[in-house]
């Protein structure tokens, strides 16, 4: 029986590359993405190999629905790869750099705003802090909780081998803002 892997953020450059490697290896894939838009190069894959599910990092219900959709489709989830890109929105200045005036941060903003107008922690708006924590901390915790809930009570063979949290950033770790360092180091400690 072929392995089933869940991967988040398959619509990001890193997520896409990881998903492509899994598919090329013959691994069945549950691809969580932040939009309904189908990933073109995977859309020709048959449903026996690939399932794309829209997932909102801000919602515990969405995390549960992602797991249930994968289980309903493939009957099991062997492994999970959760991508973490916590720098979304932390580089944005007043909005002039990105053409946005709102402080909203979304997973989709991650790629578009990285590197634009880096700010000090004292300059970050409360709404930005709340949005980043809701998206990049709570979202991953919701999904990890649902994955561990699914795995509870199953034998080692039934539950697969791993839940991997992959943290990546386009900036050097020495350039992290305090909020970025909190998110990255907090998750590293949590996983350990």
Protein backbone atom coordinates (compact mmCIF):
# COMPACT_ATOMS: atom_id res chain seq x y z
CA UNK A 1 0.00 0.00 0.00
CA UNK A 2 1.39 3.38 -1.00
CA UNK A 3 2.24 6.00 1.58
CA UNK A 4 -0.05 9.01 2.11
CA UNK A 5 1.57 12.31 3.06
CA UNK A 6 -0.14 15.55 4.05
CA UNK A 7 1.78 18.72 3.17
CA UNK A 8 0.75 22.27 4.01
CA UNK A 9 1.33 25.30 1.81
CA UNK A 10 1.72 23.28 -1.37
CA UNK A 11 0.92 26.53 -3.18
CA UNK A 12 4.19 28.14 -1.99
CA UNK A 13 7.50 27.64 -3.85
CA UNK A 14 8.97 25.32 -1.19
CA UNK A 15 5.71 23.43 -0.66
CA UNK A 16 5.33 22.95 -4.39
CA UNK A 17 8.86 21.54 -4.76
CA UNK A 18 8.37 19.13 -1.84
CA UNK A 19 4.99 18.05 -3.22
CA UNK A 20 6.54 17.49 -6.65
CA UNK A 21 9.22 15.21 -5.14
CA UNK A 22 6.62 13.16 -3.26
CA UNK A 23 4.43 12.75 -6.34
CA UNK A 24 7.46 11.77 -8.46
CA UNK A 25 8.23 9.09 -5.84
CA UNK A 26 4.74 7.63 -6.19
CA UNK A 27 3.56 8.87 -2.79
CA UNK A 28 -0.09 9.84 -2.51
CA UNK A 29 -0.46 13.45 -1.44
CA UNK A 30 -2.92 15.56 0.51
CA UNK A 31 -1.94 19.11 -0.43
CA UNK A 32 -3.23 21.84 1.87
CA UNK A 33 -3.28 25.28 0.33
CA UNK A 34 -4.63 28.69 1.25
CA UNK A 35 -6.76 29.06 -1.86
CA UNK A 36 -9.33 27.21 -3.92
CA UNK A 37 -7.20 27.70 -7.01
CA UNK A 38 -5.96 24.34 -8.20
CA UNK A 39 -2.24 23.90 -8.57
CA UNK A 40 -2.01 23.58 -12.35
CA UNK A 41 0.82 21.07 -12.66
CA UNK A 42 -0.91 18.71 -10.22
CA UNK A 43 -4.46 19.12 -11.54
CA UNK A 44 -3.93 16.41 -14.16
CA UNK A 45 -3.07 13.85 -11.49
CA UNK A 46 -5.73 11.32 -10.76
CA UNK A 47 -7.65 11.52 -7.50
CA UNK A 48 -6.07 8.22 -6.45
CA UNK A 49 -2.71 10.05 -6.12
CA UNK A 50 -3.55 13.65 -5.26
CA UNK A 51 -6.06 15.62 -3.20
CA UNK A 52 -5.90 19.38 -2.79
CA UNK A 53 -7.79 20.83 0.17
CA UNK A 54 -8.28 24.50 1.00
CA UNK A 55 -7.08 25.18 4.53
CA UNK A 56 -7.34 28.29 6.70
CA UNK A 57 -4.58 28.47 9.30
CA UNK A 58 -6.83 30.65 11.45
CA UNK A 59 -9.50 28.01 12.01
CA UNK A 60 -9.45 24.88 14.19
CA UNK A 61 -12.46 23.64 12.21
CA UNK A 62 -10.49 24.01 8.99
CA UNK A 63 -7.65 21.93 10.48
CA UNK A 64 -10.11 19.19 11.44
CA UNK A 65 -11.77 19.34 8.01
CA UNK A 66 -8.37 19.01 6.32
CA UNK A 67 -7.65 15.81 8.27
CA UNK A 68 -11.16 14.45 7.67
CA UNK A 69 -10.99 15.20 3.93
CA UNK A 70 -7.68 13.34 3.71
CA UNK A 71 -9.01 10.38 5.69
CA UNK A 72 -12.24 10.24 3.70
CA UNK A 73 -10.30 10.25 0.44
CA UNK A 74 -7.28 8.04 1.24
CA UNK A 75 -8.50 6.28 4.44
CA UNK A 76 -5.26 7.16 6.26
CA UNK A 77 -2.47 9.70 6.70
CA UNK A 78 1.00 8.25 7.18
CA UNK A 79 3.15 11.36 7.51
CA UNK A 80 2.72 15.12 7.57
CA UNK A 81 4.97 17.99 6.54
CA UNK A 82 3.92 21.33 8.02
CA UNK A 83 5.66 24.34 6.51
CA UNK A 84 6.31 27.39 8.66
CA UNK A 85 7.11 30.78 7.15
CA UNK A 86 6.53 33.18 10.04
CA UNK A 87 8.02 36.28 8.46
CA UNK A 88 4.78 37.22 6.69
CA UNK A 89 3.98 40.86 7.19
CA UNK A 90 6.91 41.60 9.48
CA UNK A 91 8.83 43.38 6.73
CA UNK A 92 6.06 45.64 5.64
CA UNK A 93 6.28 49.33 6.32
CA UNK A 94 3.39 51.72 5.96
CA UNK A 95 2.07 49.85 2.95
CA UNK A 96 3.90 51.93 0.34
CA UNK A 97 6.24 49.04 -0.43
CA UNK A 98 3.45 46.60 -1.24
CA UNK A 99 0.66 48.94 -2.30
CA UNK A 100 -1.43 47.81 0.67
CA UNK A 101 -2.60 50.14 3.38
CA UNK A 102 -4.18 47.48 5.60
CA UNK A 103 -2.04 45.68 8.19
CA UNK A 104 -3.62 42.32 7.39
CA UNK A 105 -1.25 39.37 7.09
CA UNK A 106 -2.16 36.18 5.32
CA UNK A 107 -0.24 33.13 4.12
CA UNK A 108 -0.58 34.54 0.62
CA UNK A 109 1.18 37.76 1.74
CA UNK A 110 4.24 35.77 2.78
CA UNK A 111 5.81 35.52 -0.64
CA UNK A 112 4.71 38.96 -1.84
CA UNK A 113 5.87 40.96 1.19
CA UNK A 114 9.08 39.24 2.23
CA UNK A 115 11.89 41.75 2.38
CA UNK A 116 9.74 44.84 1.83
CA UNK A 117 10.17 47.58 4.46
CA UNK A 118 11.56 45.66 7.44
CA UNK A 119 10.33 47.07 10.78
CA UNK A 120 11.39 47.04 14.41
CA UNK A 121 9.19 45.23 16.92
CA UNK A 122 8.12 48.53 18.47
CA UNK A 123 6.88 49.66 15.03
CA UNK A 124 4.71 46.60 14.39
CA UNK A 125 0.99 47.25 14.83
CA UNK A 126 -1.01 45.23 17.37
CA UNK A 127 -3.16 43.93 14.52
CA UNK A 128 -0.03 42.62 12.76
CA UNK A 129 1.09 40.79 15.91
CA UNK A 130 -2.33 39.25 16.37
CA UNK A 131 -2.56 38.27 12.72
CA UNK A 132 0.91 36.69 12.61
CA UNK A 133 0.27 34.71 15.82
CA UNK A 134 -3.19 33.63 14.65
CA UNK A 135 -1.87 32.49 11.30
CA UNK A 136 1.58 31.05 11.98
CA UNK A 137 1.29 29.84 15.57
CA UNK A 138 -2.33 28.91 16.16
CA UNK A 139 -2.79 27.45 12.69
CA UNK A 140 0.07 25.02 13.08
CA UNK A 141 -1.02 24.12 16.61
CA UNK A 142 -4.56 23.41 15.40
CA UNK A 143 -3.23 21.08 12.71
CA UNK A 144 -0.69 19.35 14.97
CA UNK A 145 -3.45 18.76 17.54
CA UNK A 146 -5.72 17.21 14.93
CA UNK A 147 -2.91 15.03 13.60
CA UNK A 148 -1.99 13.78 17.08
CA UNK A 149 -5.68 13.23 17.84
CA UNK A 150 -5.94 11.08 14.71
CA UNK A 151 -2.81 9.14 15.69
CA UNK A 152 -3.91 8.49 19.29
CA UNK A 153 -4.89 4.88 19.90
CA UNK A 154 -3.36 3.56 16.68
CA UNK A 155 -0.48 1.17 16.44
CA UNK A 156 2.86 2.47 15.20
CA UNK A 157 2.26 0.82 11.83
CA UNK A 158 -1.22 2.39 11.53
CA UNK A 159 -0.18 5.92 12.44
CA UNK A 160 2.82 6.35 10.18
CA UNK A 161 6.22 7.59 11.09
CA UNK A 162 6.32 11.35 11.47
CA UNK A 163 4.97 14.84 11.70
CA UNK A 164 7.67 17.19 10.42
CA UNK A 165 7.65 20.93 10.96
CA UNK A 166 9.78 22.63 8.32
CA UNK A 167 10.70 26.20 9.18
CA UNK A 168 12.11 28.31 6.42
CA UNK A 169 12.79 31.95 5.80
CA UNK A 170 14.19 34.05 3.01
CA UNK A 171 16.25 36.08 5.47
CA UNK A 172 19.32 35.20 7.50
CA UNK A 173 18.46 33.98 11.01
CA UNK A 174 20.56 36.76 12.53
CA UNK A 175 18.18 39.26 10.86
CA UNK A 176 15.02 37.92 12.51
CA UNK A 177 12.86 40.39 14.36
CA UNK A 178 12.02 39.48 17.99
CA UNK A 179 8.56 38.26 16.91
CA UNK A 180 10.06 36.01 14.24
CA UNK A 181 12.56 34.60 16.73
CA UNK A 182 9.75 33.93 19.21
CA UNK A 183 7.71 32.03 16.64
CA UNK A 184 10.60 29.99 15.23
CA UNK A 185 12.27 29.19 18.56
CA UNK A 186 8.93 28.55 20.24
CA UNK A 187 7.96 25.94 17.68
CA UNK A 188 11.39 24.37 17.79
CA UNK A 189 11.07 23.97 21.57
CA UNK A 190 7.49 22.73 21.26
CA UNK A 191 8.44 20.04 18.75
CA UNK A 192 11.36 18.87 20.90
